[in-house]
Amino acid sequence: VAFRLGTSTRLDDRLHAMCQMKTLPLSQLIQAIYPDMYPVHTLDDKNAKEIDGKVCPQPPRIHLSAEKLDFRGAFLMDAGDKIFIYIGKNIDPQFCSRVLGVASYSSIPEEM
């Protein structure tokens, strides 16, 4: 954002991004520039950890690359201060129902 060319970026956003680049600890800066991505459509108890008596699945971290995305999958991207969820348009309706509480991909509200 700070050094973006050819698009209209608000000055406040540009300044915020530049300040973050100057002040974030290295580990957080790397995560902001190269976020972690996890496939959440394939969660299972294989590498799960027990935390406070509950089983917490631990999905593998995958390379942040378009070739790793699948139109039949759901992926979580952790950028440190923001978390994004990418839902492929051919996701299993059962996943949409269990996880998102909607019948299918087309039923997912835009603001979600």
PDB file of N, CA and C in Angstrom:
ATOM      1  N   VAL A   1       0.829  -1.188   0.000  1.00  0.00           N
ATOM      2  CA  VAL A   1       0.000   0.000   0.000  1.00  0.00           C
ATOM      3  C   VAL A   1       0.870   1.246   0.000  1.00  0.00           C
ATOM      4  N   ALA A   2       1.924   1.232   0.789  1.00  0.00           N
ATOM      5  CA  ALA A   2       2.755   2.430   0.925  1.00  0.00           C
ATOM      6  C   ALA A   2       3.407   2.839  -0.389  1.00  0.00           C
ATOM      7  N   PHE A   3       3.812   1.864  -1.196  1.00  0.00           N
ATOM      8  CA  PHE A   3       4.541   2.176  -2.424  1.00  0.00           C
ATOM      9  C   PHE A   3       3.753   1.823  -3.681  1.00  0.00           C
ATOM     10  N   ARG A   4       2.452   1.668  -3.566  1.00  0.00           N
ATOM     11  CA  ARG A   4       1.604   1.286  -4.683  1.00  0.00           C
ATOM     12  C   ARG A   4       1.577   2.401  -5.724  1.00  0.00           C
ATOM     13  N   LEU A   5       1.699   2.023  -6.994  1.00  0.00           N
ATOM     14  CA  LEU A   5       1.646   2.983  -8.093  1.00  0.00           C
ATOM     15  C   LEU A   5       0.399   2.727  -8.931  1.00  0.00           C
ATOM     16  N   GLY A   6      -0.105   3.764  -9.567  1.00  0.00           N
ATOM     17  CA  GLY A   6      -1.174   3.601 -10.538  1.00  0.00           C
ATOM     18  C   GLY A   6      -2.569   3.430  -9.977  1.00  0.00           C
ATOM     19  N   THR A   7      -2.710   3.406  -8.683  1.00  0.00           N
ATOM     20  CA  THR A   7      -4.047   3.308  -8.098  1.00  0.00           C
ATOM     21  C   THR A   7      -4.216   4.448  -7.111  1.00  0.00           C
ATOM     22  N   SER A   8      -5.442   4.748  -6.849  1.00  0.00           N
ATOM     23  CA  SER A   8      -5.686   5.838  -5.898  1.00  0.00           C
ATOM     24  C   SER A   8      -5.711   5.270  -4.486  1.00  0.00           C
ATOM     25  N   THR A   9      -4.683   5.539  -3.742  1.00  0.00           N
ATOM     26  CA  THR A   9      -4.585   5.124  -2.353  1.00  0.00           C
ATOM     27  C   THR A   9      -4.647   6.377  -1.495  1.00  0.00           C
ATOM     28  N   ARG A  10      -5.510   6.345  -0.493  1.00  0.00           N
ATOM     29  CA  ARG A  10      -5.623   7.515   0.379  1.00  0.00           C
ATOM     30  C   ARG A  10      -4.298   7.768   1.089  1.00  0.00           C
ATOM     31  N   LEU A  11      -4.001   9.027   1.281  1.00  0.00           N
ATOM     32  CA  LEU A  11      -2.756   9.417   1.937  1.00  0.00           C
ATOM     33  C   LEU A  11      -2.659   8.812   3.335  1.00  0.00           C
ATOM     34  N   ASP A  12      -3.774   8.786   4.080  1.00  0.00           N
ATOM     35  CA  ASP A  12      -3.765   8.203   5.427  1.00  0.00           C
ATOM     36  C   ASP A  12      -3.370   6.730   5.390  1.00  0.00           C
ATOM     37  N   ASP A  13      -3.897   5.979   4.408  1.00  0.00           N
ATOM     38  CA  ASP A  13      -3.557   4.559   4.286  1.00  0.00           C
ATOM     39  C   ASP A  13      -2.083   4.382   3.940  1.00  0.00           C
ATOM     40  N   ARG A  14      -1.591   5.229   3.060  1.00  0.00           N
ATOM     41  CA  ARG A  14      -0.187   5.173   2.659  1.00  0.00           C
ATOM     42  C   ARG A  14       0.734   5.456   3.850  1.00  0.00           C
ATOM     43  N   LEU A  15       0.393   6.482   4.611  1.00  0.00           N
ATOM     44  CA  LEU A  15       1.188   6.866   5.776  1.00  0.00           C
ATOM     45  C   LEU A  15       1.160   5.774   6.847  1.00  0.00           C
ATOM     46  N   HIS A  16      -0.022   5.200   7.067  1.00  0.00           N
ATOM     47  CA  HIS A  16      -0.148   4.115   8.046  1.00  0.00           C
ATOM     48  C   HIS A  16       0.742   2.932   7.645  1.00  0.00           C
ATOM     49  N   ALA A  17       0.707   2.554   6.376  1.00  0.00           N
ATOM     50  CA  ALA A  17       1.520   1.432   5.904  1.00  0.00           C
ATOM     51  C   ALA A  17       3.010   1.729   6.050  1.00  0.00           C
ATOM     52  N   MET A  18       3.407   2.947   5.751  1.00  0.00           N
ATOM     53  CA  MET A  18       4.824   3.308   5.890  1.00  0.00           C
ATOM     54  C   MET A  18       5.262   3.283   7.353  1.00  0.00           C
ATOM     55  N   CYS A  19       4.416   3.780   8.246  1.00  0.00           N
ATOM     56  CA  CYS A  19       4.747   3.746   9.683  1.00  0.00           C
ATOM     57  C   CYS A  19       4.851   2.313  10.183  1.00  0.00           C
ATOM     58  N   GLN A  20       3.954   1.444   9.705  1.00  0.00           N
ATOM     59  CA  GLN A  20       4.029   0.035  10.099  1.00  0.00           C
ATOM     60  C   GLN A  20       5.347  -0.578   9.647  1.00  0.00           C
ATOM     61  N   MET A  21       5.747  -0.293   8.428  1.00  0.00           N
ATOM     62  CA  MET A  21       6.994  -0.860   7.913  1.00  0.00           C
ATOM     63  C   MET A  21       8.197  -0.408   8.732  1.00  0.00           C
ATOM     64  N   LYS A  22       8.130   0.787   9.264  1.00  0.00           N
ATOM     65  CA  LYS A  22       9.253   1.314  10.046  1.00  0.00           C
ATOM     66  C   LYS A  22       9.263   0.821  11.487  1.00  0.00           C
ATOM     67  N   THR A  23       8.102   0.511  12.049  1.00  0.00           N
ATOM     68  CA  THR A  23       8.031   0.262  13.488  1.00  0.00           C
ATOM     69  C   THR A  23       7.693  -1.167  13.901  1.00  0.00           C
ATOM     70  N   LEU A  24       7.122  -1.969  13.011  1.00  0.00           N
ATOM     71  CA  LEU A  24       6.758  -3.332  13.403  1.00  0.00           C
ATOM     72  C   LEU A  24       8.001  -4.174  13.682  1.00  0.00           C
ATOM     73  N   PRO A  25       7.924  -5.054  14.676  1.00  0.00           N
ATOM     74  CA  PRO A  25       9.010  -6.023  14.859  1.00  0.00           C
ATOM     75  C   PRO A  25       9.131  -6.887  13.599  1.00  0.00           C
ATOM     76  N   LEU A  26      10.311  -7.389  13.327  1.00  0.00           N
ATOM     77  CA  LEU A  26      10.576  -8.110  12.086  1.00  0.00           C
ATOM     78  C   LEU A  26       9.589  -9.249  11.837  1.00  0.00           C
ATOM     79  N   SER A  27       9.286 -10.041  12.861  1.00  0.00           N
ATOM     80  CA  SER A  27       8.378 -11.180  12.665  1.00  0.00           C
ATOM     81  C   SER A  27       6.988 -10.713  12.234  1.00  0.00           C
ATOM     82  N   GLN A  28       6.501  -9.613  12.807  1.00  0.00           N
ATOM     83  CA  GLN A  28       5.187  -9.092  12.431  1.00  0.00           C
ATOM     84  C   GLN A  28       5.226  -8.440  11.051  1.00  0.00           C
ATOM     85  N   LEU A  29       6.327  -7.796  10.712  1.00  0.00           N
ATOM     86  CA  LEU A  29       6.468  -7.186   9.390  1.00  0.00           C
ATOM     87  C   LEU A  29       6.458  -8.259   8.303  1.00  0.00           C
ATOM     88  N   ILE A  30       7.180  -9.341   8.539  1.00  0.00           N
ATOM     89  CA  ILE A  30       7.203 -10.439   7.573  1.00  0.00           C
ATOM     90  C   ILE A  30       5.809 -11.013   7.405  1.00  0.00           C
ATOM     91  N   GLN A  31       5.075 -11.175   8.506  1.00  0.00           N
ATOM     92  CA  GLN A  31       3.725 -11.719   8.404  1.00  0.00           C
ATOM     93  C   GLN A  31       2.791 -10.756   7.672  1.00  0.00           C
ATOM     94  N   ALA A  32       2.977  -9.463   7.835  1.00  0.00           N
ATOM     95  CA  ALA A  32       2.147  -8.482   7.127  1.00  0.00           C
ATOM     96  C   ALA A  32       2.439  -8.500   5.627  1.00  0.00           C
ATOM     97  N   ILE A  33       3.702  -8.702   5.259  1.00  0.00           N
ATOM     98  CA  ILE A  33       4.089  -8.719   3.845  1.00  0.00           C
ATOM     99  C   ILE A  33       3.810 -10.078   3.211  1.00  0.00           C
ATOM    100  N   TYR A  34       4.059 -11.142   3.937  1.00  0.00           N
ATOM    101  CA  TYR A  34       3.879 -12.504   3.438  1.00  0.00           C
ATOM    102  C   TYR A  34       3.035 -13.284   4.447  1.00  0.00           C
ATOM    103  N   PRO A  35       1.706 -13.114   4.396  1.00  0.00           N
ATOM    104  CA  PRO A  35       0.821 -13.733   5.394  1.00  0.00           C
ATOM    105  C   PRO A  35       0.855 -15.259   5.367  1.00  0.00           C
ATOM    106  N   ASP A  36       0.465 -15.859   6.485  1.00  0.00           N
ATOM    107  CA  ASP A  36       0.324 -17.310   6.577  1.00  0.00           C
ATOM    108  C   ASP A  36      -1.009 -17.705   5.951  1.00  0.00           C
ATOM    109  N   MET A  37      -1.037 -18.845   5.254  1.00  0.00           N
ATOM    110  CA  MET A  37      -2.281 -19.333   4.666  1.00  0.00           C
ATOM    111  C   MET A  37      -2.494 -20.783   5.078  1.00  0.00           C
ATOM    112  N   TYR A  38      -3.738 -21.095   5.453  1.00  0.00           N
ATOM    113  CA  TYR A  38      -4.088 -22.422   5.944  1.00  0.00           C
ATOM    114  C   TYR A  38      -5.332 -22.930   5.220  1.00  0.00           C
ATOM    115  N   PRO A  39      -5.333 -24.197   4.772  1.00  0.00           N
ATOM    116  CA  PRO A  39      -6.562 -24.762   4.214  1.00  0.00           C
ATOM    117  C   PRO A  39      -7.475 -25.180   5.371  1.00  0.00           C
ATOM    118  N   VAL A  40      -8.661 -24.632   5.427  1.00  0.00           N
ATOM    119  CA  VAL A  40      -9.561 -24.972   6.538  1.00  0.00           C
ATOM    120  C   VAL A  40     -10.673 -25.924   6.108  1.00  0.00           C
ATOM    121  N   HIS A  41     -10.773 -26.215   4.819  1.00  0.00           N
ATOM    122  CA  HIS A  41     -11.808 -27.139   4.347  1.00  0.00           C
ATOM    123  C   HIS A  41     -11.425 -28.595   4.616  1.00  0.00           C
ATOM    124  N   THR A  42     -10.181 -28.839   4.976  1.00  0.00           N
ATOM    125  CA  THR A  42      -9.715 -30.209   5.222  1.00  0.00           C
ATOM    126  C   THR A  42      -9.332 -30.440   6.679  1.00  0.00           C
ATOM    127  N   LEU A  43      -9.869 -29.642   7.577  1.00  0.00           N
ATOM    128  CA  LEU A  43      -9.505 -29.787   8.996  1.00  0.00           C
ATOM    129  C   LEU A  43      -9.891 -31.169   9.515  1.00  0.00           C
ATOM    130  N   ASP A  44      -8.994 -31.755  10.280  1.00  0.00           N
ATOM    131  CA  ASP A  44      -9.284 -33.011  10.966  1.00  0.00           C
ATOM    132  C   ASP A  44      -8.516 -33.023  12.284  1.00  0.00           C
ATOM    133  N   ASP A  45      -8.652 -34.094  13.019  1.00  0.00           N
ATOM    134  CA  ASP A  45      -8.017 -34.185  14.335  1.00  0.00           C
ATOM    135  C   ASP A  45      -6.614 -34.792  14.270  1.00  0.00           C
ATOM    136  N   LYS A  46      -6.055 -34.940  13.072  1.00  0.00           N
ATOM    137  CA  LYS A  46      -4.764 -35.607  12.896  1.00  0.00           C
ATOM    138  C   LYS A  46      -3.651 -34.954  13.718  1.00  0.00           C
ATOM    139  N   ASN A  47      -3.443 -33.673  13.584  1.00  0.00           N
ATOM    140  CA  ASN A  47      -2.392 -32.976  14.334  1.00  0.00           C
ATOM    141  C   ASN A  47      -2.987 -32.035  15.370  1.00  0.00           C
ATOM    142  N   ALA A  48      -4.146 -32.387  15.873  1.00  0.00           N
ATOM    143  CA  ALA A  48      -4.865 -31.511  16.800  1.00  0.00           C
ATOM    144  C   ALA A  48      -4.163 -31.430  18.151  1.00  0.00           C
ATOM    145  N   LYS A  49      -4.377 -30.293  18.800  1.00  0.00           N
ATOM    146  CA  LYS A  49      -3.881 -30.091  20.159  1.00  0.00           C
ATOM    147  C   LYS A  49      -5.081 -29.967  21.080  1.00  0.00           C
ATOM    148  N   GLU A  50      -4.895 -30.417  22.312  1.00  0.00           N
ATOM    149  CA  GLU A  50      -5.963 -30.249  23.294  1.00  0.00           C
ATOM    150  C   GLU A  50      -5.654 -28.997  24.110  1.00  0.00           C
ATOM    151  N   ILE A  51      -6.577 -28.042  24.046  1.00  0.00           N
ATOM    152  CA  ILE A  51      -6.426 -26.781  24.767  1.00  0.00           C
ATOM    153  C   ILE A  51      -7.665 -26.571  25.620  1.00  0.00           C
ATOM    154  N   ASP A  52      -7.474 -26.481  26.928  1.00  0.00           N
ATOM    155  CA  ASP A  52      -8.578 -26.304  27.882  1.00  0.00           C
ATOM    156  C   ASP A  52      -9.659 -27.363  27.709  1.00  0.00           C
ATOM    157  N   GLY A  53      -9.240 -28.592  27.456  1.00  0.00           N
ATOM    158  CA  GLY A  53     -10.183 -29.692  27.339  1.00  0.00           C
ATOM    159  C   GLY A  53     -10.899 -29.771  26.002  1.00  0.00           C
ATOM    160  N   LYS A  54     -10.526 -28.934  25.042  1.00  0.00           N
ATOM    161  CA  LYS A  54     -11.149 -28.957  23.716  1.00  0.00           C
ATOM    162  C   LYS A  54     -10.098 -29.311  22.673  1.00  0.00           C
ATOM    163  N   VAL A  55     -10.524 -30.045  21.651  1.00  0.00           N
ATOM    164  CA  VAL A  55      -9.631 -30.430  20.568  1.00  0.00           C
ATOM    165  C   VAL A  55      -9.576 -29.289  19.556  1.00  0.00           C
ATOM    166  N   CYS A  56      -8.364 -28.807  19.275  1.00  0.00           N
ATOM    167  CA  CYS A  56      -8.166 -27.701  18.327  1.00  0.00           C
ATOM    168  C   CYS A  56      -7.335 -28.207  17.151  1.00  0.00           C
ATOM    169  N   PRO A  57      -7.961 -28.358  15.978  1.00  0.00           N
ATOM    170  CA  PRO A  57      -7.215 -28.811  14.800  1.00  0.00           C
ATOM    171  C   PRO A  57      -6.101 -27.831  14.446  1.00  0.00           C
ATOM    172  N   GLN A  58      -5.002 -28.351  13.931  1.00  0.00           N
ATOM    173  CA  GLN A  58      -3.854 -27.541  13.533  1.00  0.00           C
ATOM    174  C   GLN A  58      -3.606 -27.776  12.041  1.00  0.00           C
ATOM    175  N   PRO A  59      -4.193 -26.944  11.183  1.00  0.00           N
ATOM    176  CA  PRO A  59      -3.998 -27.161   9.745  1.00  0.00           C
ATOM    177  C   PRO A  59      -2.563 -26.836   9.339  1.00  0.00           C
ATOM    178  N   PRO A  60      -2.076 -27.482   8.289  1.00  0.00           N
ATOM    179  CA  PRO A  60      -0.718 -27.172   7.827  1.00  0.00           C
ATOM    180  C   PRO A  60      -0.680 -25.792   7.176  1.00  0.00           C
ATOM    181  N   ARG A  61       0.424 -25.094   7.343  1.00  0.00           N
ATOM    182  CA  ARG A  61       0.598 -23.807   6.665  1.00  0.00           C
ATOM    183  C   ARG A  61       1.064 -24.101   5.245  1.00  0.00           C
ATOM    184  N   ILE A  62       0.436 -23.433   4.272  1.00  0.00           N
ATOM    185  CA  ILE A  62       0.817 -23.644   2.877  1.00  0.00           C
ATOM    186  C   ILE A  62       1.375 -22.344   2.305  1.00  0.00           C
ATOM    187  N   HIS A  63       2.112 -22.457   1.220  1.00  0.00           N
ATOM    188  CA  HIS A  63       2.703 -21.287   0.575  1.00  0.00           C
ATOM    189  C   HIS A  63       1.609 -20.373   0.056  1.00  0.00           C
ATOM    190  N   LEU A  64       1.800 -19.097   0.237  1.00  0.00           N
ATOM    191  CA  LEU A  64       0.851 -18.097  -0.235  1.00  0.00           C
ATOM    192  C   LEU A  64       1.035 -17.949  -1.742  1.00  0.00           C
ATOM    193  N   SER A  65       0.227 -18.704  -2.483  1.00  0.00           N
ATOM    194  CA  SER A  65       0.359 -18.737  -3.931  1.00  0.00           C
ATOM    195  C   SER A  65      -0.993 -19.074  -4.546  1.00  0.00           C
ATOM    196  N   ALA A  66      -1.297 -18.471  -5.684  1.00  0.00           N
ATOM    197  CA  ALA A  66      -2.573 -18.733  -6.356  1.00  0.00           C
ATOM    198  C   ALA A  66      -2.687 -20.195  -6.758  1.00  0.00           C
ATOM    199  N   GLU A  67      -1.566 -20.843  -7.059  1.00  0.00           N
ATOM    200  CA  GLU A  67      -1.637 -22.240  -7.469  1.00  0.00           C
ATOM    201  C   GLU A  67      -2.034 -23.169  -6.320  1.00  0.00           C
ATOM    202  N   LYS A  68      -1.922 -22.713  -5.088  1.00  0.00           N
ATOM    203  CA  LYS A  68      -2.333 -23.515  -3.934  1.00  0.00           C
ATOM    204  C   LYS A  68      -3.832 -23.390  -3.662  1.00  0.00           C
ATOM    205  N   LEU A  69      -4.459 -22.341  -4.205  1.00  0.00           N
ATOM    206  CA  LEU A  69      -5.894 -22.151  -4.000  1.00  0.00           C
ATOM    207  C   LEU A  69      -6.674 -23.137  -4.850  1.00  0.00           C
ATOM    208  N   ASP A  70      -7.835 -23.527  -4.353  1.00  0.00           N
ATOM    209  CA  ASP A  70      -8.689 -24.484  -5.037  1.00  0.00           C
ATOM    210  C   ASP A  70     -10.111 -23.946  -4.983  1.00  0.00           C
ATOM    211  N   PHE A  71     -10.818 -23.982  -6.110  1.00  0.00           N
ATOM    212  CA  PHE A  71     -12.194 -23.488  -6.139  1.00  0.00           C
ATOM    213  C   PHE A  71     -13.132 -24.335  -5.282  1.00  0.00           C
ATOM    214  N   ARG A  72     -12.669 -25.519  -4.862  1.00  0.00           N
ATOM    215  CA  ARG A  72     -13.483 -26.385  -4.008  1.00  0.00           C
ATOM    216  C   ARG A  72     -13.095 -26.273  -2.542  1.00  0.00           C
ATOM    217  N   GLY A  73     -12.229 -25.310  -2.205  1.00  0.00           N
ATOM    218  CA  GLY A  73     -11.706 -25.210  -0.849  1.00  0.00           C
ATOM    219  C   GLY A  73     -12.040 -23.921  -0.139  1.00  0.00           C
ATOM    220  N   ALA A  74     -11.628 -23.874   1.133  1.00  0.00           N
ATOM    221  CA  ALA A  74     -11.751 -22.679   1.970  1.00  0.00           C
ATOM    222  C   ALA A  74     -10.393 -22.480   2.639  1.00  0.00           C
ATOM    223  N   PHE A  75      -9.908 -21.245   2.604  1.00  0.00           N
ATOM    224  CA  PHE A  75      -8.569 -20.949   3.095  1.00  0.00           C
ATOM    225  C   PHE A  75      -8.597 -19.744   4.018  1.00  0.00           C
ATOM    226  N   LEU A  76      -7.807 -19.821   5.078  1.00  0.00           N
ATOM    227  CA  LEU A  76      -7.684 -18.719   6.023  1.00  0.00           C
ATOM    228  C   LEU A  76      -6.316 -18.079   5.806  1.00  0.00           C
ATOM    229  N   MET A  77      -6.301 -16.760   5.664  1.00  0.00           N
ATOM    230  CA  MET A  77      -5.046 -16.031   5.497  1.00  0.00           C
ATOM    231  C   MET A  77      -4.873 -15.103   6.686  1.00  0.00           C
ATOM    232  N   ASP A  78      -3.788 -15.298   7.426  1.00  0.00           N
ATOM    233  CA  ASP A  78      -3.493 -14.517   8.626  1.00  0.00           C
ATOM    234  C   ASP A  78      -2.390 -13.517   8.312  1.00  0.00           C
ATOM    235  N   ALA A  79      -2.766 -12.228   8.245  1.00  0.00           N
ATOM    236  CA  ALA A  79      -1.801 -11.163   7.951  1.00  0.00           C
ATOM    237  C   ALA A  79      -1.345 -10.458   9.217  1.00  0.00           C
ATOM    238  N   GLY A  80      -1.600 -11.037  10.362  1.00  0.00           N
ATOM    239  CA  GLY A  80      -1.171 -10.437  11.628  1.00  0.00           C
ATOM    240  C   GLY A  80      -2.247  -9.574  12.245  1.00  0.00           C
ATOM    241  N   ASP A  81      -2.573  -8.460  11.602  1.00  0.00           N
ATOM    242  CA  ASP A  81      -3.603  -7.571  12.143  1.00  0.00           C
ATOM    243  C   ASP A  81      -4.948  -7.772  11.452  1.00  0.00           C
ATOM    244  N   LYS A  82      -4.976  -8.606  10.408  1.00  0.00           N
ATOM    245  CA  LYS A  82      -6.215  -8.907   9.687  1.00  0.00           C
ATOM    246  C   LYS A  82      -6.246 -10.394   9.380  1.00  0.00           C
ATOM    247  N   ILE A  83      -7.446 -10.937   9.344  1.00  0.00           N
ATOM    248  CA  ILE A  83      -7.622 -12.328   8.930  1.00  0.00           C
ATOM    249  C   ILE A  83      -8.650 -12.339   7.806  1.00  0.00           C
ATOM    250  N   PHE A  84      -8.314 -13.032   6.716  1.00  0.00           N
ATOM    251  CA  PHE A  84      -9.208 -13.144   5.572  1.00  0.00           C
ATOM    252  C   PHE A  84      -9.563 -14.609   5.380  1.00  0.00           C
ATOM    253  N   ILE A  85     -10.785 -14.860   4.912  1.00  0.00           N
ATOM    254  CA  ILE A  85     -11.192 -16.216   4.569  1.00  0.00           C
ATOM    255  C   ILE A  85     -11.595 -16.215   3.104  1.00  0.00           C
ATOM    256  N   TYR A  86     -10.942 -17.058   2.316  1.00  0.00           N
ATOM    257  CA  TYR A  86     -11.275 -17.218   0.902  1.00  0.00           C
ATOM    258  C   TYR A  86     -12.113 -18.478   0.778  1.00  0.00           C
ATOM    259  N   ILE A  87     -13.288 -18.336   0.199  1.00  0.00           N
ATOM    260  CA  ILE A  87     -14.176 -19.470  -0.030  1.00  0.00           C
ATOM    261  C   ILE A  87     -14.269 -19.678  -1.534  1.00  0.00           C
ATOM    262  N   GLY A  88     -13.870 -20.843  -2.016  1.00  0.00           N
ATOM    263  CA  GLY A  88     -13.963 -21.151  -3.441  1.00  0.00           C
ATOM    264  C   GLY A  88     -15.412 -21.328  -3.859  1.00  0.00           C
ATOM    265  N   LYS A  89     -15.718 -20.952  -5.101  1.00  0.00           N
ATOM    266  CA  LYS A  89     -17.114 -20.980  -5.543  1.00  0.00           C
ATOM    267  C   LYS A  89     -17.672 -22.391  -5.686  1.00  0.00           C
ATOM    268  N   ASN A  90     -16.832 -23.409  -5.726  1.00  0.00           N
ATOM    269  CA  ASN A  90     -17.304 -24.793  -5.813  1.00  0.00           C
ATOM    270  C   ASN A  90     -17.158 -25.526  -4.477  1.00  0.00           C
ATOM    271  N   ILE A  91     -17.194 -24.774  -3.384  1.00  0.00           N
ATOM    272  CA  ILE A  91     -17.072 -25.367  -2.045  1.00  0.00           C
ATOM    273  C   ILE A  91     -18.247 -26.306  -1.778  1.00  0.00           C
ATOM    274  N   ASP A  92     -18.003 -27.337  -1.034  1.00  0.00           N
ATOM    275  CA  ASP A  92     -19.047 -28.297  -0.674  1.00  0.00           C
ATOM    276  C   ASP A  92     -20.145 -27.589   0.125  1.00  0.00           C
ATOM    277  N   PRO A  93     -21.411 -27.706  -0.292  1.00  0.00           N
ATOM    278  CA  PRO A  93     -22.504 -27.060   0.446  1.00  0.00           C
ATOM    279  C   PRO A  93     -22.571 -27.491   1.915  1.00  0.00           C
ATOM    280  N   GLN A  94     -22.123 -28.702   2.207  1.00  0.00           N
ATOM    281  CA  GLN A  94     -22.117 -29.181   3.592  1.00  0.00           C
ATOM    282  C   GLN A  94     -21.161 -28.337   4.442  1.00  0.00           C
ATOM    283  N   PHE A  95     -20.017 -27.940   3.884  1.00  0.00           N
ATOM    284  CA  PHE A  95     -19.082 -27.059   4.585  1.00  0.00           C
ATOM    285  C   PHE A  95     -19.750 -25.716   4.855  1.00  0.00           C
ATOM    286  N   CYS A  96     -20.412 -25.165   3.845  1.00  0.00           N
ATOM    287  CA  CYS A  96     -21.108 -23.878   4.009  1.00  0.00           C
ATOM    288  C   CYS A  96     -22.144 -23.961   5.118  1.00  0.00           C
ATOM    289  N   SER A  97     -22.858 -25.050   5.157  1.00  0.00           N
ATOM    290  CA  SER A  97     -23.902 -25.225   6.168  1.00  0.00           C
ATOM    291  C   SER A  97     -23.312 -25.355   7.567  1.00  0.00           C
ATOM    292  N   ARG A  98     -22.311 -26.225   7.727  1.00  0.00           N
ATOM    293  CA  ARG A  98     -21.731 -26.479   9.050  1.00  0.00           C
ATOM    294  C   ARG A  98     -20.919 -25.304   9.582  1.00  0.00           C
ATOM    295  N   VAL A  99     -20.133 -24.662   8.718  1.00  0.00           N
ATOM    296  CA  VAL A  99     -19.191 -23.641   9.175  1.00  0.00           C
ATOM    297  C   VAL A  99     -19.757 -22.232   9.090  1.00  0.00           C
ATOM    298  N   LEU A 100     -20.438 -21.927   7.991  1.00  0.00           N
ATOM    299  CA  LEU A 100     -20.911 -20.563   7.767  1.00  0.00           C
ATOM    300  C   LEU A 100     -22.393 -20.372   8.060  1.00  0.00           C
ATOM    301  N   GLY A 101     -23.123 -21.477   8.226  1.00  0.00           N
ATOM    302  CA  GLY A 101     -24.548 -21.377   8.538  1.00  0.00           C
ATOM    303  C   GLY A 101     -25.409 -20.957   7.360  1.00  0.00           C
ATOM    304  N   VAL A 102     -24.936 -21.204   6.138  1.00  0.00           N
ATOM    305  CA  VAL A 102     -25.718 -20.907   4.934  1.00  0.00           C
ATOM    306  C   VAL A 102     -25.802 -22.172   4.087  1.00  0.00           C
ATOM    307  N   ALA A 103     -26.780 -22.210   3.187  1.00  0.00           N
ATOM    308  CA  ALA A 103     -27.032 -23.427   2.417  1.00  0.00           C
ATOM    309  C   ALA A 103     -25.970 -23.710   1.351  1.00  0.00           C
ATOM    310  N   SER A 104     -25.424 -22.669   0.727  1.00  0.00           N
ATOM    311  CA  SER A 104     -24.467 -22.873  -0.360  1.00  0.00           C
ATOM    312  C   SER A 104     -23.604 -21.627  -0.544  1.00  0.00           C
ATOM    313  N   TYR A 105     -22.650 -21.718  -1.462  1.00  0.00           N
ATOM    314  CA  TYR A 105     -21.756 -20.589  -1.746  1.00  0.00           C
ATOM    315  C   TYR A 105     -22.546 -19.350  -2.147  1.00  0.00           C
ATOM    316  N   SER A 106     -23.549 -19.532  -2.984  1.00  0.00           N
ATOM    317  CA  SER A 106     -24.329 -18.385  -3.470  1.00  0.00           C
ATOM    318  C   SER A 106     -25.146 -17.724  -2.363  1.00  0.00           C
ATOM    319  N   SER A 107     -25.313 -18.398  -1.237  1.00  0.00           N
ATOM    320  CA  SER A 107     -26.073 -17.839  -0.106  1.00  0.00           C
ATOM    321  C   SER A 107     -25.203 -17.043   0.869  1.00  0.00           C
ATOM    322  N   ILE A 108     -23.895 -17.021   0.653  1.00  0.00           N
ATOM    323  CA  ILE A 108     -22.996 -16.300   1.565  1.00  0.00           C
ATOM    324  C   ILE A 108     -23.190 -14.801   1.360  1.00  0.00           C
ATOM    325  N   PRO A 109     -23.553 -14.066   2.413  1.00  0.00           N
ATOM    326  CA  PRO A 109     -23.721 -12.612   2.266  1.00  0.00           C
ATOM    327  C   PRO A 109     -22.385 -11.938   1.952  1.00  0.00           C
ATOM    328  N   GLU A 110     -22.411 -10.900   1.117  1.00  0.00           N
ATOM    329  CA  GLU A 110     -21.179 -10.200   0.736  1.00  0.00           C
ATOM    330  C   GLU A 110     -20.446  -9.618   1.932  1.00  0.00           C
ATOM    331  N   GLU A 111     -21.184  -9.097   2.904  1.00  0.00           N
ATOM    332  CA  GLU A 111     -20.541  -8.470   4.061  1.00  0.00           C
ATOM    333  C   GLU A 111     -19.898  -9.488   4.993  1.00  0.00           C
ATOM    334  N   MET A 112     -20.162 -10.773   4.784  1.00  0.00           N
ATOM    335  CA  MET A 112     -19.560 -11.807   5.618  1.00  0.00           C
ATOM    336  C   MET A 112     -18.170 -11.964   5.168  1.00  0.00           C
TER     337      MET A 112
END
